Structure formats: structure tokens, C-alpha cells
Amino acid sequence: MENLEVKPSFWKNRSVFLTGHTGFKGGWLALWLTEMGANVYGYSLKAPTKPSFFDVIDLKSKIKSSNIDNILNLLNLKKSIEEAKPSVIFHMAAQPLVRQSYYDPLETFNTNIIGSVNIFEAAKKIESVKAIINITSDKCYESQERDEPYKETDKLGGYDPYSSSKACSEIITSTYRNLFLSLNGIKIATARAGNVIGGGDWATDRLIPDFIRSIDQKKILNVRSPNAVRPWQHVFDPLSGYMLLAEKLVLYGDNFAEAWNFGPEQNSAKTVSWILNRLSKKFLNSKWKIENSTQLKETSLLKLDIRKAKSRLGWAPRWSLETSLDQTIKWYKAFKENEDMFEFSIKQIKAFQSS
């Protein structure tokens, strides 16, 4: 099915509250919404990396406001939402890294579980709010180590603190949907995306940022799980799905207040080594090796079933894995060449929309 357009007319002058706007995915969503004329109110901790997409494109000067605080601060969170009077809330603030969740499970559970509760508590009596999208993760599914893609009705679970925290966030969302938010006319959905790639990501323990750093530092990249299969996709694909879903929630309500997968086509589910081998052809001075010291358990096989989003939302991924990798590398090369990264990022969004 052809991917339906994200409608600038729907977002123009619409007030949007976005948690996690200083992060990689949140920054791109804030930029895209702002480009369409939305009034974006950000709420997040400081940008988690240096450099960061948020700082590189000077996003603070582009959006309506940028509130730097913790989502665990319920009083300030509620005050910020009340002041923004948003129509739509995108909840993206999270501790997003699997390995970090092993080292600091308390932070992970607090941020990813209590943080979700705080969003719902802060928003549930604010009249302007029509829709909430809680962005969780494809790792919220109980690992079956199977080749069959996970669909939205599959069992939730998680071996590691990150995955289990996202499963908990899904369950909490269902509770608030059924008991509290629907009574106030607020429609809420969850979004489960695959492994996103794209320019402007400098997080640790993510494949492409680690790859770029290894080249800059002229070091050999240590790879934990070269045979792990992941549903790779460019960040624009799930973001377009989130915005389409929000539009459907506002316009049609309960029919879309559910869980949704946003992943690539099945032929884009590739191994880590496949990604690295393709990247190595573009950077001939790159080297990588298998890291044997890790004792952390991670899912080795993960795919998403996206038929529901295709059939009911009219959404479909636009960029192939090859195109996604090419566009990602182009962004980093433009950054290294000191191009205007705000303008370059806008051009990439427009190229995606016209593809």
C-alpha cells in the first residue's frame, strides 16, 4: 500500500508537547513538526551526547519552547503541559539503551515506567489534550528467538531491564487508556519501532554511531553480536508513522487507540555484520572485530509484523535499507564538511516526503 502523506495542514499551528526532544529521534520529530508549522513544546533532560543533533541544528531556537527537566519531576511536568495546552503529546523521553539498563536498572525502571505514569497523570485532566502517543520499543515483546515477525497481539515481556521496562510501559498505557484517559476524551496509542538509523545519532552502544566514532578515532570497532538480526529502518519511517497515528487518533479516536508496530519490510531485517560490511565498502579505512568479553544476554533474532499499520493506517516504509544507510552516511559526511546541518536536515526530510 502506498504510504499516505503526513499532512502539514493538520499540524500547522497545532500545539504539540514532546518529551525527549533533545534526543536523536525526538530531535528529528521536533524538527519535522516545526517545519510543518506546529508549535512544539519540548520537555527533556539536556542533550545526552556531545555533539548532539539538538545542538548541531540549533533546535532550541526553532521550536516554541525547550524545557530542560526530568519527567520524574511530576509537578513541573504537569505545569509545562498546562502552559503548552497541547492537542497532541508524543512521549519519547526514556533511558533507551539495553546495555546501560544492565549497569543502572533503577534509572531505567524509574525513567521508562514511572516516567510514563507521570505523563499520563500530568495530562489526564488537561482539556486541550486529544491524543497521546507513547513510543515504547520493538523489544517489549517476550523473546521467542524465532524467525516469524512479532505482531501487536504477541506476548509482552523482556529479559533485560530495558526490554521489561518497555513491556511495563505498554501495560501501564493500557490501564490508563481503559480507566482514566478515555473518560476525559483523551485517546492513547503505543508505537513499537525497530532499530532506527539516521544522521545525528551519537549515542554509545549503537552500531552506526560506534562505527563513525571508530573511524574518527582510527580504532578497531568491537562488535558484540555480529550475527544478531534486527529490523533496521531510517528514523523518518517510524516518525511518519507516529504522526499519521496521531492524526488518526485526533480525528477518529477509539478506532486507533491501540498498539502499533512500525518496522521495515522483511528484507530489511539484516544481521549486524551485513550492516558493517556495507558500511566498510564506503569507508575503506574502517575495521571491526568480534568482542568476546560481553556476558550480557540480548535477543539474537527480532523482526516486526507491520501488516496492521499498512492495512489500517495506510502507512508503509518508504526507504529501503540501502537507501537508509546511504542517507545516513551522507548526513555524517555533510557534518564533517561543515555544511549547514539545519538546511541539510530539512532537505533530507523533503527528499523522504517526495520519495
Protein backbone atom coordinates (compact mmCIF):
# COMPACT_ATOMS: atom_id res chain seq x y z
CA MET A 1 0.00 0.00 0.00
CA GLU A 2 1.25 3.46 -0.83
CA ASN A 3 2.38 5.45 2.19
CA LEU A 4 -0.16 8.16 2.96
CA GLU A 5 1.23 11.64 3.33
CA VAL A 6 1.83 13.29 6.66
CA LYS A 7 -0.39 16.37 6.28
CA PRO A 8 1.22 19.75 7.02
CA SER A 9 -2.30 21.22 7.10
CA PHE A 10 -3.16 19.04 10.10
CA TRP A 11 -0.05 20.12 12.03
CA LYS A 12 0.05 23.81 11.10
CA ASN A 13 -0.41 25.92 14.27
CA ARG A 14 -1.19 22.77 16.29
CA SER A 15 0.30 22.70 19.77
CA VAL A 16 2.43 19.59 20.36
CA PHE A 17 4.10 18.53 23.60
CA LEU A 18 7.14 16.34 23.00
CA THR A 19 9.18 14.64 25.70
CA GLY A 20 12.69 13.60 24.78
CA HIS A 21 13.12 16.37 22.21
CA THR A 22 16.86 16.65 22.88
CA GLY A 23 17.45 13.04 21.84
CA PHE A 24 18.08 11.59 18.39
CA LYS A 25 14.55 10.52 17.42
CA GLY A 26 12.90 13.29 19.40
CA GLY A 27 15.07 15.93 17.75
CA TRP A 28 14.14 14.78 14.26
CA LEU A 29 10.44 14.68 15.18
CA ALA A 30 10.60 18.18 16.65
CA LEU A 31 12.31 19.48 13.51
CA TRP A 32 9.80 17.83 11.17
CA LEU A 33 6.79 19.08 13.13
CA THR A 34 8.21 22.60 13.29
CA GLU A 35 8.88 22.58 9.56
CA MET A 36 5.16 21.83 9.04
CA GLY A 37 4.16 24.77 11.22
CA ALA A 38 3.44 23.05 14.53
CA ASN A 39 4.13 24.79 17.82
CA VAL A 40 6.45 22.30 19.53
CA TYR A 41 6.93 22.42 23.30
CA GLY A 42 9.87 20.22 24.29
CA TYR A 43 10.46 18.64 27.69
CA SER A 44 13.61 16.64 28.29
CA LEU A 45 16.93 16.31 30.03
CA LYS A 46 19.90 18.03 28.39
CA ALA A 47 21.11 16.54 25.14
CA PRO A 48 22.65 13.19 26.11
CA THR A 49 25.71 13.44 23.84
CA LYS A 50 28.28 15.92 22.58
CA PRO A 51 27.87 16.62 19.76
CA SER A 52 24.10 16.16 19.54
CA PHE A 53 21.53 16.59 16.81
CA PHE A 54 19.68 19.07 19.07
CA ASP A 55 22.72 21.37 19.29
CA VAL A 56 24.10 20.85 15.79
CA ILE A 57 20.93 22.17 14.12
CA ASP A 58 20.26 24.69 16.93
CA LEU A 59 16.85 23.16 17.54
CA LYS A 60 16.28 25.25 20.67
CA SER A 61 15.87 28.37 18.52
CA LYS A 62 13.49 26.63 16.13
CA ILE A 63 10.85 25.21 18.48
CA LYS A 64 8.33 27.07 20.62
CA SER A 65 9.98 26.23 23.92
CA SER A 66 12.58 23.87 25.38
CA ASN A 67 12.06 22.88 29.00
CA ILE A 68 15.11 21.07 30.38
CA ASP A 69 13.94 18.91 33.27
CA ASN A 70 13.32 15.31 34.29
CA ILE A 71 10.00 13.62 33.55
CA LEU A 72 10.22 12.25 37.09
CA ASN A 73 9.52 15.83 38.25
CA LEU A 74 5.75 15.46 38.13
CA LEU A 75 4.91 18.96 39.34
CA ASN A 76 6.99 20.72 36.70
CA LEU A 77 5.88 18.26 34.03
CA LYS A 78 2.23 18.99 34.74
CA LYS A 79 2.88 22.74 34.82
CA SER A 80 4.68 22.54 31.47
CA ILE A 81 1.81 20.65 29.83
CA GLU A 82 -0.75 23.06 31.27
CA GLU A 83 1.17 26.02 29.84
CA ALA A 84 1.61 24.40 26.42
CA LYS A 85 -2.09 23.45 26.10
CA PRO A 86 -1.17 20.74 23.57
CA SER A 87 -3.53 18.92 21.28
CA VAL A 88 -1.08 16.02 20.87
CA ILE A 89 1.54 14.59 23.21
CA PHE A 90 4.42 12.44 21.94
CA HIS A 91 6.15 10.68 24.83
CA MET A 92 9.68 9.74 23.76
CA ALA A 93 11.76 10.51 26.86
CA ALA A 94 13.43 7.30 28.01
CA GLN A 95 16.58 5.51 29.03
CA PRO A 96 16.96 3.99 25.55
CA LEU A 97 19.97 1.68 25.75
CA VAL A 98 19.90 -2.05 26.51
CA ARG A 99 23.45 -2.28 27.86
CA GLN A 100 23.02 0.82 30.06
CA SER A 101 19.95 -0.85 31.60
CA TYR A 102 22.18 -3.63 32.94
CA TYR A 103 24.51 -1.13 34.58
CA ASP A 104 21.77 1.08 36.03
CA PRO A 105 18.47 -0.83 36.21
CA LEU A 106 16.99 1.57 38.77
CA GLU A 107 17.37 4.57 36.48
CA THR A 108 15.94 2.54 33.60
CA PHE A 109 12.87 1.40 35.52
CA ASN A 110 12.25 4.83 37.04
CA THR A 111 12.54 6.68 33.75
CA ASN A 112 10.75 4.21 31.50
CA ILE A 113 7.98 3.14 33.88
CA ILE A 114 7.34 5.95 36.37
CA GLY A 115 8.08 8.45 33.62
CA SER A 116 5.20 7.02 31.59
CA VAL A 117 2.90 7.15 34.62
CA ASN A 118 3.84 10.79 35.16
CA ILE A 119 2.96 11.73 31.58
CA PHE A 120 -0.49 10.19 31.92
CA GLU A 121 -1.07 11.70 35.36
CA ALA A 122 0.04 15.14 34.21
CA ALA A 123 -2.10 15.08 31.07
CA LYS A 124 -5.28 13.30 32.13
CA LYS A 125 -7.26 16.38 33.20
CA ILE A 126 -5.96 18.89 30.66
CA GLU A 127 -8.84 19.71 28.32
CA SER A 128 -6.74 20.60 25.29
CA VAL A 129 -5.17 17.12 25.05
CA LYS A 130 -6.83 14.93 22.42
CA ALA A 131 -4.21 12.26 21.75
CA ILE A 132 -1.11 10.74 23.34
CA ILE A 133 1.42 8.55 21.53
CA ASN A 134 3.61 6.56 23.90
CA ILE A 135 6.69 5.44 21.97
CA THR A 136 7.94 2.20 23.52
CA SER A 137 10.08 -0.35 21.65
CA ASP A 138 10.12 -3.44 19.47
CA LYS A 139 11.94 -5.08 22.39
CA CYS A 140 8.77 -5.04 24.52
CA TYR A 141 7.89 -8.50 23.19
CA GLU A 142 8.83 -11.60 25.14
CA SER A 143 11.76 -13.03 23.23
CA GLN A 144 10.96 -16.22 21.34
CA GLU A 145 14.16 -16.29 19.24
CA ARG A 146 12.03 -17.04 16.21
CA ASP A 147 12.14 -16.07 12.55
CA GLU A 148 8.45 -15.16 12.50
CA PRO A 149 7.86 -11.41 12.95
CA TYR A 150 6.21 -10.24 16.16
CA LYS A 151 2.70 -8.84 15.82
CA GLU A 152 0.94 -6.45 18.18
CA THR A 153 -1.03 -9.20 19.92
CA ASP A 154 2.04 -11.26 20.86
CA LYS A 155 3.03 -11.69 24.49
CA LEU A 156 4.89 -8.84 26.17
CA GLY A 157 8.00 -9.45 28.25
CA GLY A 158 11.69 -8.76 28.47
CA TYR A 159 14.84 -10.42 29.77
CA ASP A 160 16.86 -7.26 30.36
CA PRO A 161 15.77 -4.17 32.35
CA TYR A 162 15.30 -2.04 29.22
CA SER A 163 13.04 -4.53 27.45
CA SER A 164 10.99 -5.34 30.55
CA SER A 165 10.59 -1.64 31.35
CA LYS A 166 9.11 -1.07 27.88
CA ALA A 167 6.75 -4.01 28.32
CA CYS A 168 5.65 -2.47 31.64
CA SER A 169 5.08 0.87 29.93
CA GLU A 170 2.81 -0.88 27.43
CA ILE A 171 0.75 -2.47 30.22
CA ILE A 172 0.51 0.82 32.12
CA THR A 173 -0.66 2.54 28.94
CA SER A 174 -3.49 0.02 28.64
CA THR A 175 -4.53 0.66 32.24
CA TYR A 176 -4.65 4.43 31.80
CA ARG A 177 -6.42 4.08 28.47
CA ASN A 178 -9.17 1.96 29.95
CA LEU A 179 -9.62 3.55 33.37
CA PHE A 180 -8.66 7.21 33.19
CA LEU A 181 -7.81 8.85 29.88
CA SER A 182 -10.78 7.67 27.82
CA LEU A 183 -13.14 9.16 30.42
CA ASN A 184 -11.63 12.56 29.66
CA GLY A 185 -11.78 12.14 25.89
CA ILE A 186 -8.05 11.50 25.51
CA LYS A 187 -7.09 8.79 23.03
CA ILE A 188 -3.82 6.98 23.58
CA ALA A 189 -1.81 4.58 21.46
CA THR A 190 1.60 2.95 21.72
CA ALA A 191 4.17 2.75 18.95
CA ARG A 192 6.79 -0.01 18.68
CA ALA A 193 9.55 0.76 16.19
CA GLY A 194 12.53 -1.22 15.01
CA ASN A 195 16.23 -0.30 15.18
CA VAL A 196 16.35 3.22 13.78
CA ILE A 197 19.30 4.72 11.99
CA GLY A 198 19.93 8.18 10.61
CA GLY A 199 22.19 11.19 10.80
CA GLY A 200 22.74 12.98 14.07
CA ASP A 201 22.90 9.98 16.38
CA TRP A 202 25.97 9.93 18.64
CA ALA A 203 24.71 7.58 21.36
CA THR A 204 27.04 4.92 22.71
CA ASP A 205 26.29 1.25 22.13
CA ARG A 206 24.51 1.93 18.85
CA LEU A 207 26.02 0.39 15.78
CA ILE A 208 26.38 3.27 13.35
CA PRO A 209 27.42 5.94 15.89
CA ASP A 210 30.02 3.50 17.25
CA PHE A 211 31.16 2.81 13.68
CA ILE A 212 31.54 6.53 12.90
CA ARG A 213 33.47 7.08 16.15
CA SER A 214 35.83 4.20 15.39
CA ILE A 215 36.74 5.85 12.08
CA ASP A 216 37.21 9.28 13.65
CA GLN A 217 39.41 7.81 16.37
CA LYS A 218 41.19 5.42 13.97
CA LYS A 219 40.32 2.45 16.17
CA ILE A 220 39.03 -1.04 15.54
CA LEU A 221 35.32 -1.34 16.32
CA ASN A 222 34.42 -4.05 18.83
CA VAL A 223 31.15 -5.76 17.89
CA ARG A 224 29.14 -7.75 20.43
CA SER A 225 26.75 -9.75 18.29
CA PRO A 226 27.63 -9.76 14.57
CA ASN A 227 25.01 -12.40 13.78
CA ALA A 228 22.13 -10.67 15.57
CA VAL A 229 19.23 -9.86 13.23
CA ARG A 230 17.42 -6.53 13.69
CA PRO A 231 14.63 -4.68 11.84
CA TRP A 232 16.73 -1.75 10.62
CA GLN A 233 14.92 1.36 9.36
CA HIS A 234 15.61 5.02 8.76
CA VAL A 235 14.32 7.28 11.52
CA PHE A 236 11.98 9.04 9.09
CA ASP A 237 9.89 5.91 8.55
CA PRO A 238 8.66 5.38 12.12
CA LEU A 239 8.35 9.14 12.70
CA SER A 240 5.99 9.39 9.74
CA GLY A 241 4.02 6.53 11.30
CA TYR A 242 3.79 8.29 14.65
CA MET A 243 2.43 11.44 13.03
CA LEU A 244 -0.11 9.54 10.93
CA LEU A 245 -1.24 7.67 14.03
CA ALA A 246 -1.64 10.91 15.99
CA GLU A 247 -3.77 12.35 13.21
CA LYS A 248 -5.99 9.27 13.20
CA LEU A 249 -6.36 9.41 16.99
CA VAL A 250 -7.44 13.05 16.91
CA LEU A 251 -9.88 12.57 14.04
CA TYR A 252 -11.24 9.08 14.67
CA GLY A 253 -10.47 8.34 18.30
CA ASP A 254 -11.00 4.88 19.74
CA ASN A 255 -10.63 3.07 16.42
CA PHE A 256 -6.88 3.71 16.60
CA ALA A 257 -6.24 3.75 20.36
CA GLU A 258 -4.16 0.57 20.29
CA ALA A 259 -0.60 -0.73 19.94
CA TRP A 260 1.13 -0.35 16.56
CA ASN A 261 4.31 -1.76 15.02
CA PHE A 262 6.37 0.47 12.73
CA GLY A 263 9.16 -1.52 11.16
CA PRO A 264 10.82 -2.11 7.79
CA GLU A 265 9.91 -4.59 5.10
CA GLN A 266 11.09 -8.07 5.97
CA ASN A 267 14.02 -7.93 3.54
CA SER A 268 15.49 -5.11 5.66
CA ALA A 269 15.88 -7.36 8.70
CA LYS A 270 19.61 -7.98 8.42
CA THR A 271 22.49 -9.07 10.63
CA VAL A 272 24.84 -6.63 12.30
CA SER A 273 27.68 -7.96 10.16
CA TRP A 274 25.68 -7.26 6.98
CA ILE A 275 25.37 -3.61 8.01
CA LEU A 276 29.05 -3.35 8.88
CA ASN A 277 30.20 -4.96 5.64
CA ARG A 278 28.14 -2.50 3.63
CA LEU A 279 29.43 0.46 5.63
CA SER A 280 33.01 -0.77 5.27
CA LYS A 281 32.71 -0.51 1.49
CA LYS A 282 32.06 3.22 1.93
CA PHE A 283 34.85 3.72 4.47
CA LEU A 284 37.81 1.69 3.30
CA ASN A 285 39.86 2.55 6.41
CA SER A 286 37.30 1.01 8.77
CA LYS A 287 37.97 -2.16 10.78
CA TRP A 288 35.89 -4.23 13.17
CA LYS A 289 36.24 -7.36 15.25
CA ILE A 290 34.05 -9.55 17.44
CA GLU A 291 34.04 -8.66 21.12
CA ASN A 292 34.27 -11.81 23.23
CA SER A 293 34.09 -10.29 26.68
CA THR A 294 30.40 -9.45 26.91
CA GLN A 295 28.25 -11.51 29.25
CA LEU A 296 25.05 -9.63 28.55
CA LYS A 297 22.11 -11.58 27.16
CA GLU A 298 20.40 -9.97 24.18
CA THR A 299 17.82 -11.18 21.69
CA SER A 300 19.55 -12.56 18.61
CA LEU A 301 16.55 -12.53 16.27
CA LEU A 302 13.97 -9.75 16.11
CA LYS A 303 11.52 -8.88 13.35
CA LEU A 304 8.29 -6.86 13.32
CA ASP A 305 4.98 -7.62 11.60
CA ILE A 306 3.79 -4.31 10.11
CA ARG A 307 0.68 -5.53 8.28
CA LYS A 308 -1.66 -3.79 10.73
CA ALA A 309 -0.12 -0.35 10.15
CA LYS A 310 -0.17 -0.94 6.41
CA SER A 311 -3.80 -2.00 6.21
CA ARG A 312 -5.40 0.30 8.77
CA LEU A 313 -3.21 3.40 8.82
CA GLY A 314 -2.19 3.35 5.18
CA TRP A 315 1.41 3.59 6.33
CA ALA A 316 4.37 1.81 4.78
CA PRO A 317 8.15 2.23 4.99
CA ARG A 318 9.49 4.34 2.14
CA TRP A 319 13.24 3.92 2.20
CA SER A 320 14.95 0.59 1.62
CA LEU A 321 17.77 -0.40 3.95
CA GLU A 322 20.31 0.50 1.26
CA THR A 323 18.81 3.97 0.84
CA SER A 324 18.57 4.41 4.60
CA LEU A 325 22.26 3.64 5.03
CA ASP A 326 23.24 5.90 2.14
CA GLN A 327 21.23 8.83 3.53
CA THR A 328 22.65 8.27 7.00
CA ILE A 329 26.24 8.35 5.74
CA LYS A 330 25.51 11.45 3.64
CA TRP A 331 24.39 13.28 6.80
CA TYR A 332 27.56 12.45 8.71
CA LYS A 333 29.77 13.36 5.76
CA ALA A 334 27.97 16.72 5.41
CA PHE A 335 28.54 17.33 9.11
CA LYS A 336 32.26 16.59 8.78
CA GLU A 337 32.41 19.01 5.84
CA ASN A 338 30.85 21.79 7.98
CA GLU A 339 27.71 22.18 5.91
CA ASP A 340 24.66 23.98 7.32
CA MET A 341 23.16 20.97 9.07
CA PHE A 342 19.79 22.58 9.69
CA GLU A 343 19.32 23.15 5.97
CA PHE A 344 20.77 19.75 5.12
CA SER A 345 18.39 18.04 7.57
CA ILE A 346 15.38 19.84 6.12
CA LYS A 347 16.44 18.75 2.63
CA GLN A 348 16.59 15.13 3.79
CA ILE A 349 13.08 15.34 5.22
CA LYS A 350 11.81 16.78 1.94
CA ALA A 351 13.63 14.08 -0.03
CA PHE A 352 11.90 11.45 2.08
CA GLN A 353 8.49 13.07 1.59
CA SER A 354 8.94 13.15 -2.17
CA SER A 355 10.23 9.59 -2.45
